[in-house]
C-alpha atoms as a PDB file:
ATOM      1  CA  UNK A   1      -2.491   6.576  -4.701  1.00  0.00           C
ATOM      2  CA  UNK A   2      -4.835   3.517  -5.156  1.00  0.00           C
ATOM      3  CA  UNK A   3      -3.268   2.159  -2.512  1.00  0.00           C
ATOM      4  CA  UNK A   4      -4.341   4.649  -0.087  1.00  0.00           C
ATOM      5  CA  UNK A   5      -7.899   4.751  -1.984  1.00  0.00           C
ATOM      6  CA  UNK A   6      -8.350   0.564  -1.128  1.00  0.00           C
ATOM      7  CA  UNK A   7      -7.444   1.451   2.781  1.00  0.00           C
ATOM      8  CA  UNK A   8     -10.004   4.387   2.897  1.00  0.00           C
ATOM      9  CA  UNK A   9     -12.647   2.292   1.912  1.00  0.00           C
ATOM     10  CA  UNK A  10     -11.765  -0.873   3.659  1.00  0.00           C
ATOM     11  CA  UNK A  11     -11.434   1.258   7.039  1.00  0.00           C
ATOM     12  CA  UNK A  12     -14.901   2.860   6.486  1.00  0.00           C
ATOM     13  CA  UNK A  13     -16.192  -0.355   5.490  1.00  0.00           C
ATOM     14  CA  UNK A  14     -14.541  -1.617   9.189  1.00  0.00           C
ATOM     15  CA  UNK A  15     -15.833   1.254  10.994  1.00  0.00           C
ATOM     16  CA  UNK A  16     -19.084   1.381   8.741  1.00  0.00           C
ATOM     17  CA  UNK A  17     -20.677  -1.523  10.238  1.00  0.00           C
ATOM     18  CA  UNK A  18     -19.636  -1.158  13.568  1.00  0.00           C
ATOM     19  CA  UNK A  19     -22.468   1.276  14.955  1.00  0.00           C
ATOM     20  CA  UNK A  20     -25.781  -0.739  14.723  1.00  0.00           C
ATOM     21  CA  UNK A  21     -23.256  -3.191  16.384  1.00  0.00           C
ATOM     22  CA  UNK A  22     -22.618  -1.425  19.035  1.00  0.00           C
ATOM     23  CA  UNK A  23     -26.074   0.051  19.338  1.00  0.00           C
ATOM     24  CA  UNK A  24     -26.651  -3.787  19.598  1.00  0.00           C
ATOM     25  CA  UNK A  25     -24.624  -4.179  22.963  1.00  0.00           C
ATOM     26  CA  UNK A  26     -25.334  -0.626  24.610  1.00  0.00           C
ATOM     27  CA  UNK A  27     -28.742  -2.641  25.613  1.00  0.00           C
ATOM     28  CA  UNK A  28     -26.429  -4.918  27.722  1.00  0.00           C
ATOM     29  CA  UNK A  29     -23.333  -2.564  28.940  1.00  0.00           C
ATOM     30  CA  UNK A  30     -23.583   1.822  29.499  1.00  0.00           C
ATOM     31  CA  UNK A  31     -21.902   4.035  26.971  1.00  0.00           C
ATOM     32  CA  UNK A  32     -18.612   4.912  28.835  1.00  0.00           C
ATOM     33  CA  UNK A  33     -18.018   1.111  29.673  1.00  0.00           C
ATOM     34  CA  UNK A  34     -18.754   0.215  25.521  1.00  0.00           C
ATOM     35  CA  UNK A  35     -16.168   3.058  24.445  1.00  0.00           C
ATOM     36  CA  UNK A  36     -13.602   1.931  26.608  1.00  0.00           C
ATOM     37  CA  UNK A  37     -14.212  -1.799  25.646  1.00  0.00           C
ATOM     38  CA  UNK A  38     -13.980  -1.065  21.540  1.00  0.00           C
ATOM     39  CA  UNK A  39     -10.009   0.900  22.512  1.00  0.00           C
ATOM     40  CA  UNK A  40      -9.252  -1.521  24.649  1.00  0.00           C
ATOM     41  CA  UNK A  41      -9.683  -4.199  21.675  1.00  0.00           C
ATOM     42  CA  UNK A  42      -8.453  -1.839  18.910  1.00  0.00           C
ATOM     43  CA  UNK A  43      -4.942  -1.492  21.474  1.00  0.00           C
ATOM     44  CA  UNK A  44      -5.112  -5.351  22.582  1.00  0.00           C
ATOM     45  CA  UNK A  45      -5.807  -6.428  19.015  1.00  0.00           C
ATOM     46  CA  UNK A  46      -2.605  -4.401  17.267  1.00  0.00           C
ATOM     47  CA  UNK A  47      -0.325  -5.051  20.346  1.00  0.00           C
ATOM     48  CA  UNK A  48      -0.258  -8.210  19.445  1.00  0.00           C
ATOM     49  CA  UNK A  49      -0.079  -8.203  15.822  1.00  0.00           C
ATOM     50  CA  UNK A  50       2.920  -5.884  16.279  1.00  0.00           C
ATOM     51  CA  UNK A  51       4.240  -8.428  19.015  1.00  0.00           C
ATOM     52  CA  UNK A  52       4.071 -11.125  16.533  1.00  0.00           C
ATOM     53  CA  UNK A  53       5.446  -9.139  13.850  1.00  0.00           C
ATOM     54  CA  UNK A  54       7.916  -7.865  15.610  1.00  0.00           C
ATOM     55  CA  UNK A  55       7.571  -4.176  14.575  1.00  0.00           C
ATOM     56  CA  UNK A  56       9.994  -1.378  15.230  1.00  0.00           C
ATOM     57  CA  UNK A  57       9.761   0.470  18.103  1.00  0.00           C
ATOM     58  CA  UNK A  58       8.427   4.136  17.533  1.00  0.00           C
ATOM     59  CA  UNK A  59       9.533   7.147  19.254  1.00  0.00           C
ATOM     60  CA  UNK A  60       7.912  10.306  18.184  1.00  0.00           C
ATOM     61  CA  UNK A  61       9.551  14.023  18.682  1.00  0.00           C
ATOM     62  CA  UNK A  62       8.176  16.165  21.613  1.00  0.00           C
ATOM     63  CA  UNK A  63       6.030  18.165  19.089  1.00  0.00           C
ATOM     64  CA  UNK A  64       4.604  14.830  17.647  1.00  0.00           C
ATOM     65  CA  UNK A  65       3.572  13.644  20.934  1.00  0.00           C
ATOM     66  CA  UNK A  66       1.792  16.725  21.835  1.00  0.00           C
ATOM     67  CA  UNK A  67       0.013  16.413  18.555  1.00  0.00           C
ATOM     68  CA  UNK A  68      -0.772  12.510  19.360  1.00  0.00           C
ATOM     69  CA  UNK A  69      -1.720  13.010  22.712  1.00  0.00           C
ATOM     70  CA  UNK A  70      -4.576  16.154  21.509  1.00  0.00           C
ATOM     71  CA  UNK A  71      -5.699  13.442  18.379  1.00  0.00           C
ATOM     72  CA  UNK A  72      -5.809  10.844  21.344  1.00  0.00           C
ATOM     73  CA  UNK A  73      -8.111  13.096  23.738  1.00  0.00           C
ATOM     74  CA  UNK A  74     -10.511  14.283  20.751  1.00  0.00           C
ATOM     75  CA  UNK A  75     -10.854  11.017  18.857  1.00  0.00           C
ATOM     76  CA  UNK A  76     -10.226   8.378  21.422  1.00  0.00           C
ATOM     77  CA  UNK A  77     -11.971   9.669  24.473  1.00  0.00           C
ATOM     78  CA  UNK A  78     -14.538  12.358  23.478  1.00  0.00           C
ATOM     79  CA  UNK A  79     -15.721  11.339  19.745  1.00  0.00           C
ATOM     80  CA  UNK A  80     -16.882   7.271  21.180  1.00  0.00           C
ATOM     81  CA  UNK A  81     -18.102   8.142  24.703  1.00  0.00           C
ATOM     82  CA  UNK A  82     -20.303  11.189  22.594  1.00  0.00           C
ATOM     83  CA  UNK A  83     -21.386   8.625  19.886  1.00  0.00           C
ATOM     84  CA  UNK A  84     -22.383   6.049  22.474  1.00  0.00           C
ATOM     85  CA  UNK A  85     -24.481   8.443  24.419  1.00  0.00           C
ATOM     86  CA  UNK A  86     -26.094   9.542  21.221  1.00  0.00           C
ATOM     87  CA  UNK A  87     -27.027   5.905  19.602  1.00  0.00           C
ATOM     88  CA  UNK A  88     -28.325   4.944  23.592  1.00  0.00           C
ATOM     89  CA  UNK A  89     -31.310   7.806  22.523  1.00  0.00           C
ATOM     90  CA  UNK A  90     -31.568   7.349  18.778  1.00  0.00           C
ATOM     91  CA  UNK A  91     -32.229   4.651  15.854  1.00  0.00           C
ATOM     92  CA  UNK A  92     -28.794   3.700  14.442  1.00  0.00           C
ATOM     93  CA  UNK A  93     -30.071   4.487  10.972  1.00  0.00           C
ATOM     94  CA  UNK A  94     -30.390   8.199  11.878  1.00  0.00           C
ATOM     95  CA  UNK A  95     -27.223   8.002  13.656  1.00  0.00           C
ATOM     96  CA  UNK A  96     -25.115   6.635  10.620  1.00  0.00           C
ATOM     97  CA  UNK A  97     -26.488   9.520   8.970  1.00  0.00           C
ATOM     98  CA  UNK A  98     -25.303  11.612  11.237  1.00  0.00           C
ATOM     99  CA  UNK A  99     -21.922  10.587  10.982  1.00  0.00           C
ATOM    100  CA  UNK A 100     -21.607  12.358   7.234  1.00  0.00           C
ATOM    101  CA  UNK A 101     -21.175  15.161   9.578  1.00  0.00           C
ATOM    102  CA  UNK A 102     -17.347  14.273  10.343  1.00  0.00           C
ATOM    103  CA  UNK A 103     -16.969  14.463   6.369  1.00  0.00           C
ATOM    104  CA  UNK A 104     -17.879  17.793   6.306  1.00  0.00           C
ATOM    105  CA  UNK A 105     -16.160  19.018   9.250  1.00  0.00           C
ATOM    106  CA  UNK A 106     -12.836  16.767   8.574  1.00  0.00           C
ATOM    107  CA  UNK A 107     -12.829  19.376   4.693  1.00  0.00           C
ATOM    108  CA  UNK A 108     -14.062  22.508   6.570  1.00  0.00           C
ATOM    109  CA  UNK A 109     -10.959  22.229   9.398  1.00  0.00           C
ATOM    110  CA  UNK A 110      -8.541  20.649   6.613  1.00  0.00           C
ATOM    111  CA  UNK A 111      -9.169  23.694   4.249  1.00  0.00           C
ATOM    112  CA  UNK A 112      -9.694  26.694   6.870  1.00  0.00           C
ATOM    113  CA  UNK A 113      -6.886  25.940   9.627  1.00  0.00           C
ATOM    114  CA  UNK A 114      -4.616  23.404   8.070  1.00  0.00           C
ATOM    115  CA  UNK A 115      -4.402  25.078   4.639  1.00  0.00           C
ATOM    116  CA  UNK A 116      -5.450  22.219   2.235  1.00  0.00           C
ATOM    117  CA  UNK A 117      -6.848  22.772  -1.124  1.00  0.00           C
ATOM    118  CA  UNK A 118     -10.353  21.864  -1.408  1.00  0.00           C
ATOM    119  CA  UNK A 119     -12.290  22.280  -4.807  1.00  0.00           C
ATOM    120  CA  UNK A 120     -15.612  23.746  -5.433  1.00  0.00           C
ATOM    121  CA  UNK A 121     -17.191  20.334  -5.823  1.00  0.00           C
ATOM    122  CA  UNK A 122     -16.247  19.753  -2.296  1.00  0.00           C
ATOM    123  CA  UNK A 123     -17.813  22.515  -1.249  1.00  0.00           C
ATOM    124  CA  UNK A 124     -21.219  21.739  -2.796  1.00  0.00           C
ATOM    125  CA  UNK A 125     -20.862  17.869  -1.471  1.00  0.00           C
ATOM    126  CA  UNK A 126     -20.668  19.796   1.939  1.00  0.00           C
ATOM    127  CA  UNK A 127     -23.533  21.688   0.893  1.00  0.00           C
ATOM    128  CA  UNK A 128     -25.450  18.234   0.157  1.00  0.00           C
ATOM    129  CA  UNK A 129     -24.758  16.462   3.137  1.00  0.00           C
ATOM    130  CA  UNK A 130     -25.356  19.049   5.336  1.00  0.00           C
ATOM    131  CA  UNK A 131     -28.800  19.485   3.841  1.00  0.00           C
ATOM    132  CA  UNK A 132     -29.187  15.961   4.271  1.00  0.00           C
ATOM    133  CA  UNK A 133     -27.929  15.522   7.852  1.00  0.00           C
ATOM    134  CA  UNK A 134     -30.885  18.440   8.902  1.00  0.00           C
ATOM    135  CA  UNK A 135     -33.451  16.534   6.659  1.00  0.00           C
ATOM    136  CA  UNK A 136     -33.003  13.785   9.285  1.00  0.00           C
ATOM    137  CA  UNK A 137     -32.831  16.298  12.409  1.00  0.00           C
ATOM    138  CA  UNK A 138     -35.933  18.010  11.765  1.00  0.00           C
ATOM    139  CA  UNK A 139     -38.268  17.062  14.515  1.00  0.00           C
ATOM    140  CA  UNK A 140     -40.901  14.690  13.278  1.00  0.00           C
ATOM    141  CA  UNK A 141     -39.024  13.520  10.380  1.00  0.00           C
ATOM    142  CA  UNK A 142     -37.639  10.596  11.838  1.00  0.00           C
ATOM    143  CA  UNK A 143     -37.276   8.833  15.044  1.00  0.00           C
ATOM    144  CA  UNK A 144     -34.141  10.449  16.694  1.00  0.00           C
ATOM    145  CA  UNK A 145     -35.159   9.655  20.346  1.00  0.00           C
ATOM    146  CA  UNK A 146     -34.058  12.690  23.014  1.00  0.00           C
ATOM    147  CA  UNK A 147     -33.400  15.863  21.636  1.00  0.00           C
ATOM    148  CA  UNK A 148     -29.621  15.951  22.812  1.00  0.00           C
ATOM    149  CA  UNK A 149     -29.000  12.535  20.945  1.00  0.00           C
ATOM    150  CA  UNK A 150     -28.300  14.138  17.250  1.00  0.00           C
ATOM    151  CA  UNK A 151     -26.140  17.242  19.304  1.00  0.00           C
ATOM    152  CA  UNK A 152     -24.055  14.341  20.426  1.00  0.00           C
ATOM    153  CA  UNK A 153     -23.227  12.401  17.503  1.00  0.00           C
ATOM    154  CA  UNK A 154     -22.727  15.758  15.324  1.00  0.00           C
ATOM    155  CA  UNK A 155     -20.335  16.409  18.298  1.00  0.00           C
ATOM    156  CA  UNK A 156     -18.568  13.022  18.679  1.00  0.00           C
ATOM    157  CA  UNK A 157     -18.011  13.856  14.171  1.00  0.00           C
ATOM    158  CA  UNK A 158     -16.994  17.275  15.339  1.00  0.00           C
ATOM    159  CA  UNK A 159     -13.978  15.456  17.523  1.00  0.00           C
ATOM    160  CA  UNK A 160     -13.048  12.811  15.081  1.00  0.00           C
ATOM    161  CA  UNK A 161     -12.770  15.600  12.146  1.00  0.00           C
ATOM    162  CA  UNK A 162     -10.349  17.260  14.663  1.00  0.00           C
ATOM    163  CA  UNK A 163      -8.295  13.776  15.361  1.00  0.00           C
ATOM    164  CA  UNK A 164      -8.127  13.329  11.380  1.00  0.00           C
ATOM    165  CA  UNK A 165      -6.525  16.677  10.887  1.00  0.00           C
ATOM    166  CA  UNK A 166      -4.242  16.191  14.299  1.00  0.00           C
ATOM    167  CA  UNK A 167      -3.190  12.833  12.990  1.00  0.00           C
ATOM    168  CA  UNK A 168      -2.411  13.841   9.669  1.00  0.00           C
ATOM    169  CA  UNK A 169       0.172  15.905  10.906  1.00  0.00           C
ATOM    170  CA  UNK A 170       2.000  13.006  12.016  1.00  0.00           C
ATOM    171  CA  UNK A 171       1.052  10.612   9.538  1.00  0.00           C
ATOM    172  CA  UNK A 172       4.256   9.275   8.226  1.00  0.00           C
ATOM    173  CA  UNK A 173       4.605   7.258  12.140  1.00  0.00           C
ATOM    174  CA  UNK A 174       4.103   3.983  11.472  1.00  0.00           C
ATOM    175  CA  UNK A 175       0.149   3.332  11.235  1.00  0.00           C
ATOM    176  CA  UNK A 176      -0.100   0.426  13.267  1.00  0.00           C
ATOM    177  CA  UNK A 177       1.530   2.062  16.585  1.00  0.00           C
ATOM    178  CA  UNK A 178      -0.473   4.778  16.238  1.00  0.00           C
ATOM    179  CA  UNK A 179      -3.513   3.010  16.129  1.00  0.00           C
ATOM    180  CA  UNK A 180      -2.232   0.527  19.043  1.00  0.00           C
ATOM    181  CA  UNK A 181      -1.189   3.516  21.183  1.00  0.00           C
ATOM    182  CA  UNK A 182      -4.458   5.242  20.639  1.00  0.00           C
ATOM    183  CA  UNK A 183      -6.668   2.559  21.625  1.00  0.00           C
ATOM    184  CA  UNK A 184      -4.423   1.571  24.820  1.00  0.00           C
ATOM    185  CA  UNK A 185      -4.527   5.040  26.204  1.00  0.00           C
ATOM    186  CA  UNK A 186      -7.666   6.029  25.299  1.00  0.00           C
ATOM    187  CA  UNK A 187      -9.315   2.488  26.109  1.00  0.00           C
ATOM    188  CA  UNK A 188      -8.038   2.472  29.124  1.00  0.00           C
ATOM    189  CA  UNK A 189      -8.772   6.090  29.949  1.00  0.00           C
ATOM    190  CA  UNK A 190     -12.496   5.449  29.581  1.00  0.00           C
ATOM    191  CA  UNK A 191     -12.251   1.951  31.714  1.00  0.00           C
ATOM    192  CA  UNK A 192     -11.078   4.188  34.626  1.00  0.00           C
ATOM    193  CA  UNK A 193     -14.057   6.833  33.776  1.00  0.00           C
ATOM    194  CA  UNK A 194     -16.647   4.073  33.671  1.00  0.00           C
ATOM    195  CA  UNK A 195     -15.669   2.590  37.162  1.00  0.00           C
ATOM    196  CA  UNK A 196     -15.384   5.941  39.038  1.00  0.00           C
ATOM    197  CA  UNK A 197     -18.846   6.509  37.582  1.00  0.00           C
ATOM    198  CA  UNK A 198     -20.121   3.002  39.087  1.00  0.00           C
ATOM    199  CA  UNK A 199     -20.229   0.777  35.726  1.00  0.00           C
ATOM    200  CA  UNK A 200     -18.744  -3.313  36.056  1.00  0.00           C
ATOM    201  CA  UNK A 201     -17.664  -5.104  33.213  1.00  0.00           C
ATOM    202  CA  UNK A 202     -20.891  -6.807  31.468  1.00  0.00           C
ATOM    203  CA  UNK A 203     -21.286 -10.294  30.668  1.00  0.00           C
ATOM    204  CA  UNK A 204     -17.510 -12.418  29.022  1.00  0.00           C
ATOM    205  CA  UNK A 205     -19.753 -13.003  25.930  1.00  0.00           C
ATOM    206  CA  UNK A 206     -20.889  -8.861  25.612  1.00  0.00           C
ATOM    207  CA  UNK A 207     -17.328  -7.903  26.701  1.00  0.00           C
ATOM    208  CA  UNK A 208     -15.559 -10.419  24.159  1.00  0.00           C
ATOM    209  CA  UNK A 209     -17.935  -8.988  21.409  1.00  0.00           C
ATOM    210  CA  UNK A 210     -17.149  -5.293  22.477  1.00  0.00           C
ATOM    211  CA  UNK A 211     -13.147  -6.161  21.867  1.00  0.00           C
ATOM    212  CA  UNK A 212     -13.819  -7.844  18.749  1.00  0.00           C
ATOM    213  CA  UNK A 213     -15.860  -5.113  17.011  1.00  0.00           C
ATOM    214  CA  UNK A 214     -12.918  -2.810  18.339  1.00  0.00           C
ATOM    215  CA  UNK A 215     -10.442  -4.375  16.984  1.00  0.00           C
ATOM    216  CA  UNK A 216     -11.986  -4.181  13.546  1.00  0.00           C
ATOM    217  CA  UNK A 217     -13.846  -1.157  14.107  1.00  0.00           C
ATOM    218  CA  UNK A 218     -11.021   1.253  16.028  1.00  0.00           C
ATOM    219  CA  UNK A 219      -8.095  -0.412  15.637  1.00  0.00           C
ATOM    220  CA  UNK A 220      -7.592  -2.201  12.035  1.00  0.00           C
ATOM    221  CA  UNK A 221      -9.674   0.499  10.487  1.00  0.00           C
ATOM    222  CA  UNK A 222      -7.639   3.519  11.962  1.00  0.00           C
ATOM    223  CA  UNK A 223      -4.520   1.820  11.062  1.00  0.00           C
ATOM    224  CA  UNK A 224      -5.635   2.149   7.218  1.00  0.00           C
ATOM    225  CA  UNK A 225      -7.228   5.489   7.906  1.00  0.00           C
ATOM    226  CA  UNK A 226      -3.513   6.537   8.741  1.00  0.00           C
ATOM    227  CA  UNK A 227      -2.021   4.992   5.716  1.00  0.00           C
ATOM    228  CA  UNK A 228      -4.533   6.562   3.559  1.00  0.00           C
ATOM    229  CA  UNK A 229      -4.037   9.774   4.855  1.00  0.00           C
ATOM    230  CA  UNK A 230      -0.350   9.637   4.142  1.00  0.00           C
ATOM    231  CA  UNK A 231      -1.369   9.112   0.580  1.00  0.00           C
ATOM    232  CA  UNK A 232      -4.329  11.018   0.059  1.00  0.00           C
ATOM    233  CA  UNK A 233      -4.339  13.763   2.808  1.00  0.00           C
ATOM    234  CA  UNK A 234      -6.947  15.000   5.588  1.00  0.00           C
ATOM    235  CA  UNK A 235      -9.809  16.289   2.880  1.00  0.00           C
ATOM    236  CA  UNK A 236     -10.088  13.326   0.356  1.00  0.00           C
ATOM    237  CA  UNK A 237      -9.399  10.495   2.494  1.00  0.00           C
ATOM    238  CA  UNK A 238     -12.284  12.347   4.301  1.00  0.00           C
ATOM    239  CA  UNK A 239     -14.731  12.246   1.516  1.00  0.00           C
ATOM    240  CA  UNK A 240     -13.665   8.264   0.747  1.00  0.00           C
ATOM    241  CA  UNK A 241     -14.497   7.802   4.599  1.00  0.00           C
ATOM    242  CA  UNK A 242     -17.541   9.362   3.831  1.00  0.00           C
ATOM    243  CA  UNK A 243     -19.171   5.800   2.565  1.00  0.00           C
ATOM    244  CA  UNK A 244     -18.980   4.517   5.993  1.00  0.00           C
ATOM    245  CA  UNK A 245     -22.427   6.117   7.565  1.00  0.00           C
ATOM    246  CA  UNK A 246     -24.350   4.972   4.413  1.00  0.00           C
ATOM    247  CA  UNK A 247     -22.877   1.041   4.826  1.00  0.00           C
ATOM    248  CA  UNK A 248     -23.895   1.256   8.798  1.00  0.00           C
ATOM    249  CA  UNK A 249     -27.365   2.312   7.913  1.00  0.00           C
ATOM    250  CA  UNK A 250     -27.782  -0.407   5.524  1.00  0.00           C
ATOM    251  CA  UNK A 251     -26.845  -2.761   8.307  1.00  0.00           C
ATOM    252  CA  UNK A 252     -29.157  -0.895  11.068  1.00  0.00           C
ATOM    253  CA  UNK A 253     -32.164  -1.971   7.984  1.00  0.00           C
ATOM    254  CA  UNK A 254     -30.924  -5.611   7.648  1.00  0.00           C
ATOM    255  CA  UNK A 255     -31.278  -6.006  11.657  1.00  0.00           C
ATOM    256  CA  UNK A 256     -34.848  -4.379  11.535  1.00  0.00           C
ATOM    257  CA  UNK A 257     -34.808  -0.900  12.270  1.00  0.00           C
ATOM    258  CA  UNK A 258     -37.470   0.906  10.065  1.00  0.00           C
ATOM    259  CA  UNK A 259     -37.047   3.000   6.858  1.00  0.00           C
ATOM    260  CA  UNK A 260     -38.700   6.603   6.222  1.00  0.00           C
ATOM    261  CA  UNK A 261     -39.234   8.370   3.648  1.00  0.00           C
ATOM    262  CA  UNK A 262     -36.807  11.197   5.513  1.00  0.00           C
ATOM    263  CA  UNK A 263     -34.119   8.773   5.854  1.00  0.00           C
ATOM    264  CA  UNK A 264     -34.707   7.964   2.335  1.00  0.00           C
ATOM    265  CA  UNK A 265     -34.323  11.259   1.042  1.00  0.00           C
ATOM    266  CA  UNK A 266     -31.695  12.252   3.605  1.00  0.00           C
ATOM    267  CA  UNK A 267     -29.862   9.336   2.255  1.00  0.00           C
ATOM    268  CA  UNK A 268     -29.736  10.168  -1.389  1.00  0.00           C
ATOM    269  CA  UNK A 269     -28.980  14.021  -0.703  1.00  0.00           C
ATOM    270  CA  UNK A 270     -26.278  12.648   0.830  1.00  0.00           C
ATOM    271  CA  UNK A 271     -25.420  10.154  -1.372  1.00  0.00           C
ATOM    272  CA  UNK A 272     -24.920  12.843  -4.089  1.00  0.00           C
ATOM    273  CA  UNK A 273     -22.460  14.749  -1.378  1.00  0.00           C
ATOM    274  CA  UNK A 274     -20.232  11.934  -1.321  1.00  0.00           C
ATOM    275  CA  UNK A 275     -20.391  11.275  -4.997  1.00  0.00           C
ATOM    276  CA  UNK A 276     -19.377  14.919  -5.216  1.00  0.00           C
ATOM    277  CA  UNK A 277     -16.467  14.869  -2.827  1.00  0.00           C
ATOM    278  CA  UNK A 278     -14.847  11.378  -4.500  1.00  0.00           C
ATOM    279  CA  UNK A 279     -15.634  13.178  -7.930  1.00  0.00           C
ATOM    280  CA  UNK A 280     -12.923  16.354  -7.027  1.00  0.00           C
ATOM    281  CA  UNK A 281      -9.898  16.269  -8.862  1.00  0.00           C
ATOM    282  CA  UNK A 282      -7.341  18.882  -8.213  1.00  0.00           C
ATOM    283  CA  UNK A 283      -4.360  19.666 -10.712  1.00  0.00           C
ATOM    284  CA  UNK A 284      -1.094  21.941 -10.532  1.00  0.00           C
ATOM    285  CA  UNK A 285       0.101  23.304 -13.272  1.00  0.00           C
ATOM    286  CA  UNK A 286       4.036  23.157 -13.631  1.00  0.00           C
ATOM    287  CA  UNK A 287       6.542  25.081 -15.756  1.00  0.00           C
ATOM    288  CA  UNK A 288       9.712  23.865 -16.662  1.00  0.00           C
ATOM    289  CA  UNK A 289      12.321  26.443 -18.108  1.00  0.00           C
ATOM    290  CA  UNK A 290      14.431  25.551 -20.846  1.00  0.00           C
ATOM    291  CA  UNK A 291      17.742  24.184 -20.595  1.00  0.00           C
ATOM    292  CA  UNK A 292      21.475  24.921 -22.041  1.00  0.00           C
ATOM    293  CA  UNK A 293      20.940  21.307 -23.595  1.00  0.00           C
ATOM    294  CA  UNK A 294      18.364  22.816 -26.079  1.00  0.00           C
ATOM    295  CA  UNK A 295      14.896  20.922 -24.531  1.00  0.00           C
ATOM    296  CA  UNK A 296      12.773  23.806 -24.791  1.00  0.00           C
ATOM    297  CA  UNK A 297      10.150  25.205 -21.931  1.00  0.00           C
ATOM    298  CA  UNK A 298       8.007  22.790 -21.319  1.00  0.00           C
ATOM    299  CA  UNK A 299       4.556  23.625 -19.366  1.00  0.00           C
ATOM    300  CA  UNK A 300       1.775  20.563 -18.129  1.00  0.00           C
ATOM    301  CA  UNK A 301      -0.671  19.666 -15.298  1.00  0.00           C
ATOM    302  CA  UNK A 302      -0.771  16.918 -13.432  1.00  0.00           C
ATOM    303  CA  UNK A 303      -3.302  15.464 -10.256  1.00  0.00           C
ATOM    304  CA  UNK A 304      -2.398  16.289  -7.086  1.00  0.00           C
ATOM    305  CA  UNK A 305      -3.139  14.369  -3.829  1.00  0.00           C
ATOM    306  CA  UNK A 306      -1.290  15.976  -0.849  1.00  0.00           C
ATOM    307  CA  UNK A 307       0.620  12.816  -0.003  1.00  0.00           C
ATOM    308  CA  UNK A 308       3.853  12.687   1.898  1.00  0.00           C
ATOM    309  CA  UNK A 309       5.625  11.991  -1.370  1.00  0.00           C
ATOM    310  CA  UNK A 310       4.314  15.780  -3.107  1.00  0.00           C
ATOM    311  CA  UNK A 311       6.486  18.552  -1.703  1.00  0.00           C
ATOM    312  CA  UNK A 312       7.993  20.055  -4.421  1.00  0.00           C
ATOM    313  CA  UNK A 313       7.347  23.751  -5.240  1.00  0.00           C
ATOM    314  CA  UNK A 314       5.267  24.733  -8.273  1.00  0.00           C
ATOM    315  CA  UNK A 315       6.986  27.473 -10.412  1.00  0.00           C
END
């Protein structure tokens, strides 16, 4: 489990700092082109890594290919484009905090649709995060730009939540391969769409910056996220990943964006929600029947995380 927690936290760090950095590049290129560069950076970087390390080839079953295609559509095409359009019209601090919506949607989908266990603390955490998100979006509470900008960011979070839950279904597949293929497919698709819409490649410096940020925030981060999904399950990985928006907000403030009272209060509520998520534990009680050798019946509990090794029945 510890490796899964470390993977989730490093993944969150890499992704969290990318939002304010990506906003800096939006002044030099369009949202769709930037989304393409970010995912191409992820795909090309991981392709180089897998080539150098001589990683084994991966084959997906027909069912897994369908799941992977859906995850790539929502997480690799829909989500980044919506996010880039959103942050192009609002401060990175507010956008970073709104990204906490991803954890909320991830947990709800994992519970309602994919039937993962969700405890009371996760529900309380969701409530706190939603309250903070609503506070950020109240007119006049923060500079959110045009009215549709926060809606675009929240919609991006919903797309990533769908991606998270779908990817967990195939998380036993090589994580670097999944992240590489998603980057190459999503990056190429977004690049073609950007060109069709009349966009052009930005300057070499901006292009290189987009590729490098993408390799870290959408390549290495996604690879580590898949590793965490394998160990912790979707709901708990999403809870650890919810520290990412706060890191993004801190970087945005360090880059000179203003701090408002609404942002501070929203951040406090969301921090409470994240703490509740991370402090949630799930245990199962087991009963082992007495044996013919004279060992009596044993009843015990142990923590349970929905990793790929925990697949026995509970009597």
